[in-house]
Amino acid sequence: MTDPIVDYWLGGTTSLNKNTFRWDSTGELVPMGVPFWFPGQPDFAPDEERSLSLSKTGYFADEEEHIKQKFICQLL
């Protein structure tokens, strides 16, 4: 069976002004543009796209928060 979940939640969300993303763990700004983001991303639309994900293409993308995603853990 193929796993339908292909994106990974990276622990970042959009800010209130919706033109930046911040890491949830530190509050630091997520780098924007090339080489991190898929071309045309983030598009900040529709209003539900507030979650930062790593897409199957290997680039960042904004995603709707209610969509189920896998996650990546960091060992401390």
N, C-alpha and C. Protein backbone atom coordinates (compact mmCIF):
# COMPACT_ATOMS: atom_id res chain seq x y z
N MET A 1 0.85 -1.18 0.00
CA MET A 1 0.00 0.00 0.00
C MET A 1 0.89 1.24 0.00
N THR A 2 0.55 2.21 -0.80
CA THR A 2 1.30 3.46 -0.87
C THR A 2 0.79 4.42 0.19
N ASP A 3 1.70 5.05 0.90
CA ASP A 3 1.33 6.03 1.92
C ASP A 3 0.86 7.30 1.24
N PRO A 4 -0.39 7.75 1.50
CA PRO A 4 -0.89 8.96 0.84
C PRO A 4 -0.26 10.24 1.37
N ILE A 5 0.43 10.17 2.50
CA ILE A 5 1.04 11.37 3.07
C ILE A 5 2.42 11.54 2.46
N VAL A 6 2.62 12.61 1.74
CA VAL A 6 3.89 12.80 1.06
C VAL A 6 4.61 14.07 1.52
N ASP A 7 3.96 14.89 2.33
CA ASP A 7 4.58 16.10 2.85
C ASP A 7 4.93 15.92 4.32
N TYR A 8 5.93 16.66 4.75
CA TYR A 8 6.36 16.61 6.14
C TYR A 8 6.21 17.98 6.77
N TRP A 9 5.58 18.03 7.94
CA TRP A 9 5.47 19.27 8.68
C TRP A 9 6.84 19.61 9.26
N LEU A 10 7.27 20.85 9.10
CA LEU A 10 8.62 21.25 9.53
C LEU A 10 8.64 22.10 10.79
N GLY A 11 7.49 22.38 11.38
CA GLY A 11 7.49 23.15 12.62
C GLY A 11 7.56 24.64 12.40
N GLY A 12 6.94 25.11 11.35
CA GLY A 12 6.87 26.54 11.09
C GLY A 12 5.47 26.96 10.70
N THR A 13 5.12 28.20 11.02
CA THR A 13 3.81 28.75 10.66
C THR A 13 3.96 30.19 10.20
N THR A 14 2.93 30.67 9.52
CA THR A 14 2.95 32.06 9.06
C THR A 14 2.75 32.99 10.24
N SER A 15 3.28 34.17 10.09
CA SER A 15 3.08 35.21 11.10
C SER A 15 1.70 35.82 10.89
N LEU A 16 1.32 36.68 11.81
CA LEU A 16 0.01 37.30 11.71
C LEU A 16 -0.15 38.14 10.46
N ASN A 17 0.94 38.76 9.99
CA ASN A 17 0.83 39.59 8.79
C ASN A 17 0.89 38.76 7.51
N LYS A 18 1.09 37.45 7.65
CA LYS A 18 1.04 36.49 6.55
C LYS A 18 2.00 36.76 5.41
N ASN A 19 3.13 37.38 5.67
CA ASN A 19 4.12 37.52 4.60
C ASN A 19 5.46 36.93 5.00
N THR A 20 5.49 36.26 6.14
CA THR A 20 6.70 35.57 6.60
C THR A 20 6.29 34.28 7.31
N PHE A 21 7.25 33.39 7.45
CA PHE A 21 7.08 32.19 8.27
C PHE A 21 8.10 32.25 9.40
N ARG A 22 7.73 31.70 10.55
CA ARG A 22 8.64 31.61 11.69
C ARG A 22 8.67 30.17 12.18
N TRP A 23 9.87 29.76 12.67
CA TRP A 23 10.00 28.44 13.28
C TRP A 23 9.26 28.46 14.61
N ASP A 24 8.43 27.45 14.86
CA ASP A 24 7.67 27.39 16.10
C ASP A 24 8.58 27.25 17.32
N SER A 25 9.68 26.56 17.19
CA SER A 25 10.55 26.28 18.34
C SER A 25 11.37 27.48 18.78
N THR A 26 11.73 28.37 17.85
CA THR A 26 12.62 29.49 18.20
C THR A 26 12.04 30.86 17.93
N GLY A 27 11.04 30.94 17.06
CA GLY A 27 10.48 32.22 16.67
C GLY A 27 11.29 32.92 15.59
N GLU A 28 12.40 32.31 15.18
CA GLU A 28 13.23 32.92 14.13
C GLU A 28 12.54 32.83 12.78
N LEU A 29 12.87 33.80 11.91
CA LEU A 29 12.30 33.81 10.56
C LEU A 29 12.82 32.63 9.74
N VAL A 30 11.93 32.03 8.98
CA VAL A 30 12.30 30.98 8.03
C VAL A 30 12.85 31.67 6.78
N PRO A 31 13.99 31.22 6.25
CA PRO A 31 14.53 31.83 5.03
C PRO A 31 13.51 31.75 3.89
N MET A 32 13.44 32.79 3.10
CA MET A 32 12.49 32.83 1.98
C MET A 32 13.24 32.69 0.66
N GLY A 33 12.52 32.28 -0.38
CA GLY A 33 13.08 32.24 -1.73
C GLY A 33 13.96 31.03 -1.99
N VAL A 34 14.67 31.12 -3.10
CA VAL A 34 15.58 30.08 -3.57
C VAL A 34 16.76 30.00 -2.60
N PRO A 35 17.26 28.84 -2.25
CA PRO A 35 16.96 27.51 -2.78
C PRO A 35 15.96 26.73 -1.93
N PHE A 36 15.33 27.37 -0.96
CA PHE A 36 14.49 26.64 -0.01
C PHE A 36 13.09 26.33 -0.53
N TRP A 37 12.45 27.31 -1.13
CA TRP A 37 11.04 27.21 -1.47
C TRP A 37 10.82 26.72 -2.90
N PHE A 38 9.76 25.94 -3.08
CA PHE A 38 9.33 25.54 -4.42
C PHE A 38 8.95 26.80 -5.19
N PRO A 39 9.25 26.89 -6.50
CA PRO A 39 8.89 28.09 -7.27
C PRO A 39 7.40 28.45 -7.10
N GLY A 40 7.14 29.72 -6.82
CA GLY A 40 5.78 30.19 -6.60
C GLY A 40 5.29 30.04 -5.18
N GLN A 41 6.13 29.48 -4.32
CA GLN A 41 5.79 29.29 -2.91
C GLN A 41 6.64 30.21 -2.05
N PRO A 42 6.17 30.64 -0.92
CA PRO A 42 4.80 30.46 -0.46
C PRO A 42 3.85 31.38 -1.21
N ASP A 43 2.65 30.90 -1.43
CA ASP A 43 1.68 31.74 -2.12
C ASP A 43 0.66 32.37 -1.17
N PHE A 44 0.71 31.95 0.12
CA PHE A 44 -0.13 32.53 1.17
C PHE A 44 -1.62 32.53 0.81
N ALA A 45 -2.05 31.55 0.05
CA ALA A 45 -3.47 31.48 -0.30
C ALA A 45 -3.87 30.02 -0.38
N PRO A 46 -5.05 29.65 -0.02
CA PRO A 46 -6.04 30.47 0.66
C PRO A 46 -5.63 30.75 2.10
N ASP A 47 -6.51 31.37 2.85
CA ASP A 47 -6.18 31.79 4.22
C ASP A 47 -5.75 30.63 5.11
N GLU A 48 -6.12 29.41 4.76
CA GLU A 48 -5.78 28.25 5.61
C GLU A 48 -4.34 27.79 5.45
N GLU A 49 -3.62 28.26 4.46
CA GLU A 49 -2.24 27.80 4.23
C GLU A 49 -1.29 28.52 5.18
N ARG A 50 -1.22 27.99 6.41
CA ARG A 50 -0.40 28.61 7.44
C ARG A 50 0.71 27.70 7.94
N SER A 51 0.79 26.48 7.45
CA SER A 51 1.75 25.49 7.93
C SER A 51 2.90 25.34 6.95
N LEU A 52 4.12 25.25 7.48
CA LEU A 52 5.31 25.07 6.65
C LEU A 52 5.58 23.58 6.48
N SER A 53 5.66 23.14 5.24
CA SER A 53 5.92 21.72 5.01
C SER A 53 7.06 21.53 4.02
N LEU A 54 7.64 20.35 4.08
CA LEU A 54 8.64 19.92 3.11
C LEU A 54 7.90 19.02 2.13
N SER A 55 7.80 19.45 0.88
CA SER A 55 7.01 18.70 -0.10
C SER A 55 7.81 17.54 -0.67
N LYS A 56 7.13 16.68 -1.40
CA LYS A 56 7.80 15.52 -2.00
C LYS A 56 8.85 15.94 -3.02
N THR A 57 8.83 17.20 -3.45
CA THR A 57 9.83 17.71 -4.39
C THR A 57 11.14 18.07 -3.69
N GLY A 58 11.11 18.13 -2.34
CA GLY A 58 12.30 18.51 -1.59
C GLY A 58 12.37 19.99 -1.26
N TYR A 59 11.34 20.73 -1.64
CA TYR A 59 11.28 22.17 -1.38
C TYR A 59 10.25 22.47 -0.30
N PHE A 60 10.38 23.65 0.33
CA PHE A 60 9.37 24.13 1.26
C PHE A 60 8.11 24.52 0.49
N ALA A 61 6.96 24.40 1.16
CA ALA A 61 5.68 24.86 0.61
C ALA A 61 4.78 25.23 1.78
N ASP A 62 3.85 26.16 1.55
CA ASP A 62 2.86 26.43 2.58
C ASP A 62 1.69 25.49 2.35
N GLU A 63 1.12 25.02 3.45
CA GLU A 63 0.10 23.98 3.38
C GLU A 63 -1.02 24.32 4.34
N GLU A 64 -2.20 23.82 4.06
CA GLU A 64 -3.33 24.02 4.95
C GLU A 64 -3.08 23.27 6.25
N GLU A 65 -3.42 23.91 7.37
CA GLU A 65 -3.11 23.34 8.68
C GLU A 65 -3.85 22.04 8.97
N HIS A 66 -5.03 21.86 8.42
CA HIS A 66 -5.82 20.68 8.75
C HIS A 66 -5.39 19.43 7.99
N ILE A 67 -4.50 19.56 7.02
CA ILE A 67 -4.05 18.41 6.24
C ILE A 67 -3.05 17.58 7.06
N LYS A 68 -3.30 16.29 7.14
CA LYS A 68 -2.44 15.39 7.90
C LYS A 68 -1.08 15.28 7.23
N GLN A 69 -0.02 15.46 8.03
CA GLN A 69 1.34 15.37 7.51
C GLN A 69 2.20 14.56 8.46
N LYS A 70 3.23 13.96 7.93
CA LYS A 70 4.23 13.33 8.78
C LYS A 70 5.07 14.44 9.40
N PHE A 71 5.92 14.09 10.33
CA PHE A 71 6.78 15.10 10.93
C PHE A 71 8.19 14.56 11.08
N ILE A 72 9.12 15.46 11.26
CA ILE A 72 10.53 15.11 11.42
C ILE A 72 10.95 15.49 12.82
N CYS A 73 11.58 14.58 13.54
CA CYS A 73 12.01 14.85 14.91
C CYS A 73 13.51 15.11 14.95
N GLN A 74 13.91 15.92 15.92
CA GLN A 74 15.32 16.19 16.15
C GLN A 74 15.70 15.57 17.49
N LEU A 75 16.75 14.78 17.48
CA LEU A 75 17.25 14.22 18.73
C LEU A 75 18.08 15.26 19.45
N LEU A 76 17.81 15.44 20.71
CA LEU A 76 18.55 16.42 21.51
C LEU A 76 19.50 15.74 22.46
